[in-house]
PDB file of N, CA and C in Angstrom:
ATOM      1  N   UNK A   1       8.684   4.945   2.221  1.00  0.00           N
ATOM      2  CA  UNK A   1       8.182   5.293   3.261  1.00  0.00           C
ATOM      3  C   UNK A   1       7.149   6.463   3.734  1.00  0.00           C
ATOM      4  N   UNK A   2       8.174   7.763   3.364  1.00  0.00           N
ATOM      5  CA  UNK A   2       7.421   9.572   3.118  1.00  0.00           C
ATOM      6  C   UNK A   2       6.821   9.440   1.765  1.00  0.00           C
ATOM      7  N   UNK A   3       7.270   9.343   0.762  1.00  0.00           N
ATOM      8  CA  UNK A   3       5.920   9.375  -0.065  1.00  0.00           C
ATOM      9  C   UNK A   3       4.306   8.303  -0.167  1.00  0.00           C
ATOM     10  N   UNK A   4       4.908   6.988   0.613  1.00  0.00           N
ATOM     11  CA  UNK A   4       4.018   6.526   0.512  1.00  0.00           C
ATOM     12  C   UNK A   4       3.049   6.958   1.639  1.00  0.00           C
ATOM     13  N   UNK A   5       3.370   7.635   2.636  1.00  0.00           N
ATOM     14  CA  UNK A   5       2.662   8.445   3.038  1.00  0.00           C
ATOM     15  C   UNK A   5       1.397   9.121   2.665  1.00  0.00           C
ATOM     16  N   UNK A   6       2.634  10.334   2.657  1.00  0.00           N
ATOM     17  CA  UNK A   6       2.639  11.425   1.510  1.00  0.00           C
ATOM     18  C   UNK A   6       0.968  11.080   0.728  1.00  0.00           C
ATOM     19  N   UNK A   7       1.291   9.901   0.192  1.00  0.00           N
ATOM     20  CA  UNK A   7       0.192   9.399  -1.226  1.00  0.00           C
ATOM     21  C   UNK A   7      -1.168   9.040  -0.254  1.00  0.00           C
ATOM     22  N   UNK A   8      -0.905   8.718   0.798  1.00  0.00           N
ATOM     23  CA  UNK A   8      -2.141   8.370   1.585  1.00  0.00           C
ATOM     24  C   UNK A   8      -2.887   9.832   2.712  1.00  0.00           C
ATOM     25  N   UNK A   9      -2.181  10.514   2.462  1.00  0.00           N
ATOM     26  CA  UNK A   9      -2.106  11.657   3.561  1.00  0.00           C
ATOM     27  C   UNK A   9      -3.367  12.756   2.044  1.00  0.00           C
ATOM     28  N   UNK A  10      -2.994  12.386   0.624  1.00  0.00           N
ATOM     29  CA  UNK A  10      -3.213  13.000  -0.349  1.00  0.00           C
ATOM     30  C   UNK A  10      -4.909  12.020  -0.697  1.00  0.00           C
ATOM     31  N   UNK A  11      -4.738  10.703  -0.834  1.00  0.00           N
ATOM     32  CA  UNK A  11      -6.078   9.895  -0.910  1.00  0.00           C
ATOM     33  C   UNK A  11      -6.920  10.224  -0.013  1.00  0.00           C
ATOM     34  N   UNK A  12      -6.063  10.273   1.409  1.00  0.00           N
ATOM     35  CA  UNK A  12      -7.761  10.517   2.748  1.00  0.00           C
ATOM     36  C   UNK A  12      -8.361  11.679   1.953  1.00  0.00           C
ATOM     37  N   UNK A  13      -7.650  12.937   1.812  1.00  0.00           N
ATOM     38  CA  UNK A  13      -8.393  14.550   2.042  1.00  0.00           C
ATOM     39  C   UNK A  13      -8.811  14.601   0.818  1.00  0.00           C
ATOM     40  N   UNK A  14      -8.404  13.658  -0.842  1.00  0.00           N
ATOM     41  CA  UNK A  14      -9.812  13.830  -1.532  1.00  0.00           C
ATOM     42  C   UNK A  14     -10.536  12.648  -1.822  1.00  0.00           C
ATOM     43  N   UNK A  15     -10.014  11.504  -0.901  1.00  0.00           N
ATOM     44  CA  UNK A  15     -11.282  10.446  -0.921  1.00  0.00           C
ATOM     45  C   UNK A  15     -11.063  10.066  -2.266  1.00  0.00           C
ATOM     46  N   UNK A  16      -9.730   9.830  -2.929  1.00  0.00           N
ATOM     47  CA  UNK A  16      -9.116   9.343  -3.839  1.00  0.00           C
ATOM     48  C   UNK A  16      -9.752   9.787  -5.216  1.00  0.00           C
ATOM     49  N   UNK A  17     -10.483  10.648  -5.208  1.00  0.00           N
ATOM     50  CA  UNK A  17     -10.499  11.083  -6.520  1.00  0.00           C
ATOM     51  C   UNK A  17      -9.362  11.673  -7.174  1.00  0.00           C
ATOM     52  N   UNK A  18      -8.763  12.440  -6.524  1.00  0.00           N
ATOM     53  CA  UNK A  18      -7.124  13.161  -7.286  1.00  0.00           C
ATOM     54  C   UNK A  18      -6.712  11.825  -7.750  1.00  0.00           C
ATOM     55  N   UNK A  19      -6.322  10.593  -7.258  1.00  0.00           N
ATOM     56  CA  UNK A  19      -5.444   9.442  -8.326  1.00  0.00           C
ATOM     57  C   UNK A  19      -6.217   9.053  -9.236  1.00  0.00           C
ATOM     58  N   UNK A  20      -7.616   9.468  -9.513  1.00  0.00           N
ATOM     59  CA  UNK A  20      -8.216   8.906  -9.535  1.00  0.00           C
ATOM     60  C   UNK A  20      -7.929   9.237 -11.611  1.00  0.00           C
ATOM     61  N   UNK A  21      -8.108  10.479 -11.584  1.00  0.00           N
ATOM     62  CA  UNK A  21      -7.139  11.301 -12.704  1.00  0.00           C
ATOM     63  C   UNK A  21      -6.420  11.022 -13.083  1.00  0.00           C
ATOM     64  N   UNK A  22      -5.876  10.493 -12.442  1.00  0.00           N
ATOM     65  CA  UNK A  22      -3.668   9.772 -13.206  1.00  0.00           C
ATOM     66  C   UNK A  22      -4.399   8.623 -12.912  1.00  0.00           C
ATOM     67  N   UNK A  23      -4.804   7.137 -13.564  1.00  0.00           N
ATOM     68  CA  UNK A  23      -4.395   5.621 -13.628  1.00  0.00           C
ATOM     69  C   UNK A  23      -3.207   5.774 -14.122  1.00  0.00           C
ATOM     70  N   UNK A  24      -3.126   5.723 -14.446  1.00  0.00           N
ATOM     71  CA  UNK A  24      -1.347   4.925 -15.202  1.00  0.00           C
ATOM     72  C   UNK A  24       0.259   4.597 -13.524  1.00  0.00           C
ATOM     73  N   UNK A  25      -0.388   5.414 -12.634  1.00  0.00           N
ATOM     74  CA  UNK A  25      -0.265   5.133 -11.966  1.00  0.00           C
ATOM     75  C   UNK A  25      -0.555   4.392 -11.284  1.00  0.00           C
ATOM     76  N   UNK A  26      -0.243   3.077 -10.209  1.00  0.00           N
ATOM     77  CA  UNK A  26      -0.862   1.702  -8.787  1.00  0.00           C
ATOM     78  C   UNK A  26      -0.329   3.000  -7.893  1.00  0.00           C
ATOM     79  N   UNK A  27      -1.609   3.733  -7.842  1.00  0.00           N
ATOM     80  CA  UNK A  27      -1.411   4.352  -6.338  1.00  0.00           C
ATOM     81  C   UNK A  27      -1.557   3.984  -5.111  1.00  0.00           C
ATOM     82  N   UNK A  28      -2.617   2.969  -4.934  1.00  0.00           N
ATOM     83  CA  UNK A  28      -2.345   1.968  -4.202  1.00  0.00           C
ATOM     84  C   UNK A  28      -1.639   0.483  -3.970  1.00  0.00           C
ATOM     85  N   UNK A  29      -0.901   0.862  -5.053  1.00  0.00           N
ATOM     86  CA  UNK A  29      -0.221  -0.450  -4.608  1.00  0.00           C
ATOM     87  C   UNK A  29       2.200   0.565  -3.786  1.00  0.00           C
ATOM     88  N   UNK A  30       1.068   1.503  -4.095  1.00  0.00           N
ATOM     89  CA  UNK A  30       2.461   2.619  -4.073  1.00  0.00           C
ATOM     90  C   UNK A  30       2.059   2.649  -2.221  1.00  0.00           C
ATOM     91  N   UNK A  31       1.192   2.816  -1.703  1.00  0.00           N
ATOM     92  CA  UNK A  31       0.392   3.508  -0.756  1.00  0.00           C
ATOM     93  C   UNK A  31       0.698   1.572   0.167  1.00  0.00           C
ATOM     94  N   UNK A  32       0.574   0.623  -0.078  1.00  0.00           N
ATOM     95  CA  UNK A  32       0.473  -0.809   0.255  1.00  0.00           C
ATOM     96  C   UNK A  32       2.379  -0.869   0.662  1.00  0.00           C
ATOM     97  N   UNK A  33       3.114  -0.670  -0.151  1.00  0.00           N
ATOM     98  CA  UNK A  33       4.752  -1.249  -0.619  1.00  0.00           C
ATOM     99  C   UNK A  33       5.471  -0.082   0.897  1.00  0.00           C
ATOM    100  N   UNK A  34       4.462   1.124   0.992  1.00  0.00           N
ATOM    101  CA  UNK A  34       4.642   1.633   2.291  1.00  0.00           C
ATOM    102  C   UNK A  34       4.790   1.334   3.619  1.00  0.00           C
ATOM    103  N   UNK A  35       3.172   0.490   3.878  1.00  0.00           N
ATOM    104  CA  UNK A  35       2.837  -0.307   5.056  1.00  0.00           C
ATOM    105  C   UNK A  35       3.049  -1.296   4.927  1.00  0.00           C
ATOM    106  N   UNK A  36       3.624  -1.686   4.134  1.00  0.00           N
ATOM    107  CA  UNK A  36       4.632  -3.331   4.078  1.00  0.00           C
ATOM    108  C   UNK A  36       6.217  -3.124   4.861  1.00  0.00           C
ATOM    109  N   UNK A  37       6.328  -1.975   4.452  1.00  0.00           N
ATOM    110  CA  UNK A  37       8.091  -1.504   5.176  1.00  0.00           C
ATOM    111  C   UNK A  37       8.088  -1.257   5.671  1.00  0.00           C
ATOM    112  N   UNK A  38       6.907  -0.023   6.271  1.00  0.00           N
ATOM    113  CA  UNK A  38       6.491  -0.066   7.592  1.00  0.00           C
ATOM    114  C   UNK A  38       6.550  -1.611   9.004  1.00  0.00           C
ATOM    115  N   UNK A  39       6.005  -1.805   8.289  1.00  0.00           N
ATOM    116  CA  UNK A  39       4.834  -2.801   9.180  1.00  0.00           C
ATOM    117  C   UNK A  39       5.245  -4.143   9.575  1.00  0.00           C
ATOM    118  N   UNK A  40       5.798  -4.619   8.191  1.00  0.00           N
ATOM    119  CA  UNK A  40       6.634  -5.869   8.180  1.00  0.00           C
ATOM    120  C   UNK A  40       7.986  -5.981   7.289  1.00  0.00           C
ATOM    121  N   UNK A  41       9.064  -5.457   8.338  1.00  0.00           N
ATOM    122  CA  UNK A  41      10.269  -4.592   7.837  1.00  0.00           C
ATOM    123  C   UNK A  41      10.871  -6.214   7.229  1.00  0.00           C
ATOM    124  N   UNK A  42      11.051  -6.812   8.528  1.00  0.00           N
ATOM    125  CA  UNK A  42      11.449  -8.342   8.015  1.00  0.00           C
ATOM    126  C   UNK A  42      10.959  -9.536   7.483  1.00  0.00           C
ATOM    127  N   UNK A  43       9.700  -9.151   6.879  1.00  0.00           N
ATOM    128  CA  UNK A  43       9.323  -9.731   5.438  1.00  0.00           C
ATOM    129  C   UNK A  43       9.477  -9.024   4.247  1.00  0.00           C
ATOM    130  N   UNK A  44      10.278  -8.096   3.907  1.00  0.00           N
ATOM    131  CA  UNK A  44      10.197  -7.291   2.800  1.00  0.00           C
ATOM    132  C   UNK A  44      11.049  -7.829   2.293  1.00  0.00           C
ATOM    133  N   UNK A  45      10.822  -8.326   1.171  1.00  0.00           N
ATOM    134  CA  UNK A  45      11.778  -9.235  -0.393  1.00  0.00           C
ATOM    135  C   UNK A  45      12.654  -7.640  -1.000  1.00  0.00           C
ATOM    136  N   UNK A  46      14.458  -7.522  -1.131  1.00  0.00           N
ATOM    137  CA  UNK A  46      15.216  -6.849  -0.707  1.00  0.00           C
ATOM    138  C   UNK A  46      14.949  -6.231  -2.323  1.00  0.00           C
ATOM    139  N   UNK A  47      15.093  -7.050  -2.852  1.00  0.00           N
ATOM    140  CA  UNK A  47      15.158  -8.096  -4.878  1.00  0.00           C
ATOM    141  C   UNK A  47      13.788  -6.513  -4.914  1.00  0.00           C
ATOM    142  N   UNK A  48      12.914  -7.109  -4.371  1.00  0.00           N
ATOM    143  CA  UNK A  48      11.230  -6.475  -4.795  1.00  0.00           C
ATOM    144  C   UNK A  48      11.343  -5.074  -4.770  1.00  0.00           C
ATOM    145  N   UNK A  49      12.184  -4.582  -3.229  1.00  0.00           N
ATOM    146  CA  UNK A  49      12.130  -2.795  -3.652  1.00  0.00           C
ATOM    147  C   UNK A  49      13.081  -2.664  -4.480  1.00  0.00           C
ATOM    148  N   UNK A  50      14.286  -3.620  -4.194  1.00  0.00           N
ATOM    149  CA  UNK A  50      14.704  -3.077  -5.325  1.00  0.00           C
ATOM    150  C   UNK A  50      14.487  -2.394  -7.448  1.00  0.00           C
ATOM    151  N   UNK A  51      13.557  -3.530  -7.788  1.00  0.00           N
ATOM    152  CA  UNK A  51      13.126  -3.869  -8.935  1.00  0.00           C
ATOM    153  C   UNK A  51      12.363  -2.453  -8.809  1.00  0.00           C
ATOM    154  N   UNK A  52      11.286  -2.356  -8.089  1.00  0.00           N
ATOM    155  CA  UNK A  52      10.475  -1.073  -7.463  1.00  0.00           C
ATOM    156  C   UNK A  52      11.222   0.097  -7.863  1.00  0.00           C
ATOM    157  N   UNK A  53      12.486   0.283  -7.012  1.00  0.00           N
ATOM    158  CA  UNK A  53      13.171   2.009  -6.933  1.00  0.00           C
ATOM    159  C   UNK A  53      14.041   1.953  -8.628  1.00  0.00           C
ATOM    160  N   UNK A  54      14.150   1.058  -8.760  1.00  0.00           N
ATOM    161  CA  UNK A  54      14.863   1.194 -10.333  1.00  0.00           C
ATOM    162  C   UNK A  54      13.448   1.379 -11.260  1.00  0.00           C
ATOM    163  N   UNK A  55      12.311   1.040 -11.198  1.00  0.00           N
ATOM    164  CA  UNK A  55      11.742   0.293 -12.424  1.00  0.00           C
ATOM    165  C   UNK A  55      10.398   1.355 -12.483  1.00  0.00           C
ATOM    166  N   UNK A  56       9.635   1.852 -10.962  1.00  0.00           N
ATOM    167  CA  UNK A  56       8.878   2.461 -10.865  1.00  0.00           C
ATOM    168  C   UNK A  56       8.503   3.703 -10.754  1.00  0.00           C
ATOM    169  N   UNK A  57       9.648   4.308  -9.462  1.00  0.00           N
ATOM    170  CA  UNK A  57       9.483   5.147  -9.140  1.00  0.00           C
ATOM    171  C   UNK A  57       9.980   6.371 -10.231  1.00  0.00           C
ATOM    172  N   UNK A  58      11.291   5.924 -10.858  1.00  0.00           N
ATOM    173  CA  UNK A  58      10.999   7.444 -12.161  1.00  0.00           C
ATOM    174  C   UNK A  58       9.882   7.266 -13.258  1.00  0.00           C
ATOM    175  N   UNK A  59       9.133   6.292 -13.049  1.00  0.00           N
ATOM    176  CA  UNK A  59       7.785   6.474 -14.057  1.00  0.00           C
ATOM    177  C   UNK A  59       6.513   7.485 -12.555  1.00  0.00           C
ATOM    178  N   UNK A  60       6.876   7.296 -11.446  1.00  0.00           N
ATOM    179  CA  UNK A  60       6.274   7.878 -10.794  1.00  0.00           C
ATOM    180  C   UNK A  60       7.126   9.657 -10.545  1.00  0.00           C
ATOM    181  N   UNK A  61       7.995   9.586 -10.596  1.00  0.00           N
ATOM    182  CA  UNK A  61       8.313  10.953 -10.499  1.00  0.00           C
ATOM    183  C   UNK A  61       7.961  11.582 -11.971  1.00  0.00           C
ATOM    184  N   UNK A  62       7.660  11.278 -13.239  1.00  0.00           N
ATOM    185  CA  UNK A  62       7.649  11.511 -14.065  1.00  0.00           C
ATOM    186  C   UNK A  62       5.692  11.835 -13.868  1.00  0.00           C
ATOM    187  N   UNK A  63       4.957  10.965 -13.770  1.00  0.00           N
ATOM    188  CA  UNK A  63       3.785  11.599 -13.386  1.00  0.00           C
ATOM    189  C   UNK A  63       3.390  12.707 -12.605  1.00  0.00           C
ATOM    190  N   UNK A  64       4.502  12.434 -10.915  1.00  0.00           N
ATOM    191  CA  UNK A  64       4.454  13.477 -10.435  1.00  0.00           C
ATOM    192  C   UNK A  64       4.322  15.110 -10.798  1.00  0.00           C
ATOM    193  N   UNK A  65       5.527  14.742 -12.261  1.00  0.00           N
ATOM    194  CA  UNK A  65       5.992  16.391 -12.273  1.00  0.00           C
ATOM    195  C   UNK A  65       5.067  17.242 -13.300  1.00  0.00           C
ATOM    196  N   UNK A  66       4.344  15.389 -14.370  1.00  0.00           N
ATOM    197  CA  UNK A  66       3.589  16.500 -14.777  1.00  0.00           C
ATOM    198  C   UNK A  66       2.211  16.675 -13.695  1.00  0.00           C
ATOM    199  N   UNK A  67       2.026  16.185 -12.979  1.00  0.00           N
ATOM    200  CA  UNK A  67       0.677  16.908 -12.067  1.00  0.00           C
ATOM    201  C   UNK A  67       1.398  17.859 -11.262  1.00  0.00           C
ATOM    202  N   UNK A  68       2.117  18.434 -11.066  1.00  0.00           N
ATOM    203  CA  UNK A  68       2.905  19.483 -10.276  1.00  0.00           C
ATOM    204  C   UNK A  68       2.207  20.703 -11.856  1.00  0.00           C
ATOM    205  N   UNK A  69       3.046  19.869 -13.046  1.00  0.00           N
ATOM    206  CA  UNK A  69       2.932  21.055 -14.234  1.00  0.00           C
ATOM    207  C   UNK A  69       1.452  21.238 -14.201  1.00  0.00           C
ATOM    208  N   UNK A  70       0.544  20.539 -14.183  1.00  0.00           N
ATOM    209  CA  UNK A  70      -0.797  20.776 -14.116  1.00  0.00           C
ATOM    210  C   UNK A  70      -1.753  21.573 -13.292  1.00  0.00           C
ATOM    211  N   UNK A  71      -1.094  21.357 -12.299  1.00  0.00           N
ATOM    212  CA  UNK A  71      -1.789  21.900 -11.234  1.00  0.00           C
ATOM    213  C   UNK A  71      -1.407  23.894 -11.105  1.00  0.00           C
ATOM    214  N   UNK A  72       0.132  23.748 -11.535  1.00  0.00           N
ATOM    215  CA  UNK A  72       0.565  25.324 -11.703  1.00  0.00           C
ATOM    216  C   UNK A  72      -0.761  25.804 -13.335  1.00  0.00           C
ATOM    217  N   UNK A  73      -0.644  25.458 -13.952  1.00  0.00           N
ATOM    218  CA  UNK A  73      -1.463  25.448 -14.930  1.00  0.00           C
ATOM    219  C   UNK A  73      -2.182  26.057 -14.467  1.00  0.00           C
ATOM    220  N   UNK A  74      -3.408  24.909 -13.350  1.00  0.00           N
ATOM    221  CA  UNK A  74      -4.347  25.582 -12.701  1.00  0.00           C
ATOM    222  C   UNK A  74      -4.379  26.711 -11.577  1.00  0.00           C
ATOM    223  N   UNK A  75      -3.274  27.095 -11.229  1.00  0.00           N
ATOM    224  CA  UNK A  75      -2.756  27.891 -10.605  1.00  0.00           C
ATOM    225  C   UNK A  75      -2.845  27.586  -8.807  1.00  0.00           C
ATOM    226  N   UNK A  76      -3.065  25.953  -8.352  1.00  0.00           N
ATOM    227  CA  UNK A  76      -3.274  25.472  -7.555  1.00  0.00           C
ATOM    228  C   UNK A  76      -2.022  25.471  -6.503  1.00  0.00           C
ATOM    229  N   UNK A  77      -0.838  25.724  -7.323  1.00  0.00           N
ATOM    230  CA  UNK A  77       0.316  25.948  -6.148  1.00  0.00           C
ATOM    231  C   UNK A  77       0.866  27.460  -6.550  1.00  0.00           C
TER     232      UNK A  77
END
């Protein structure tokens, strides 16, 4: 939920332009997952959550590392 909320804040602050630079990740789906977990908890398919954590989180983690590296090069951080 924390990741999804942070993504929403970045999305809103940049009006979606920041994530458009990194199309390999399905950012809107990540933000939507946060909403499902937060607001429809009893409807959550636990197997889907497991698959997301196992298959998508590592890919997103690598993308975030690449983004941070780029931002450091541009002296944003």
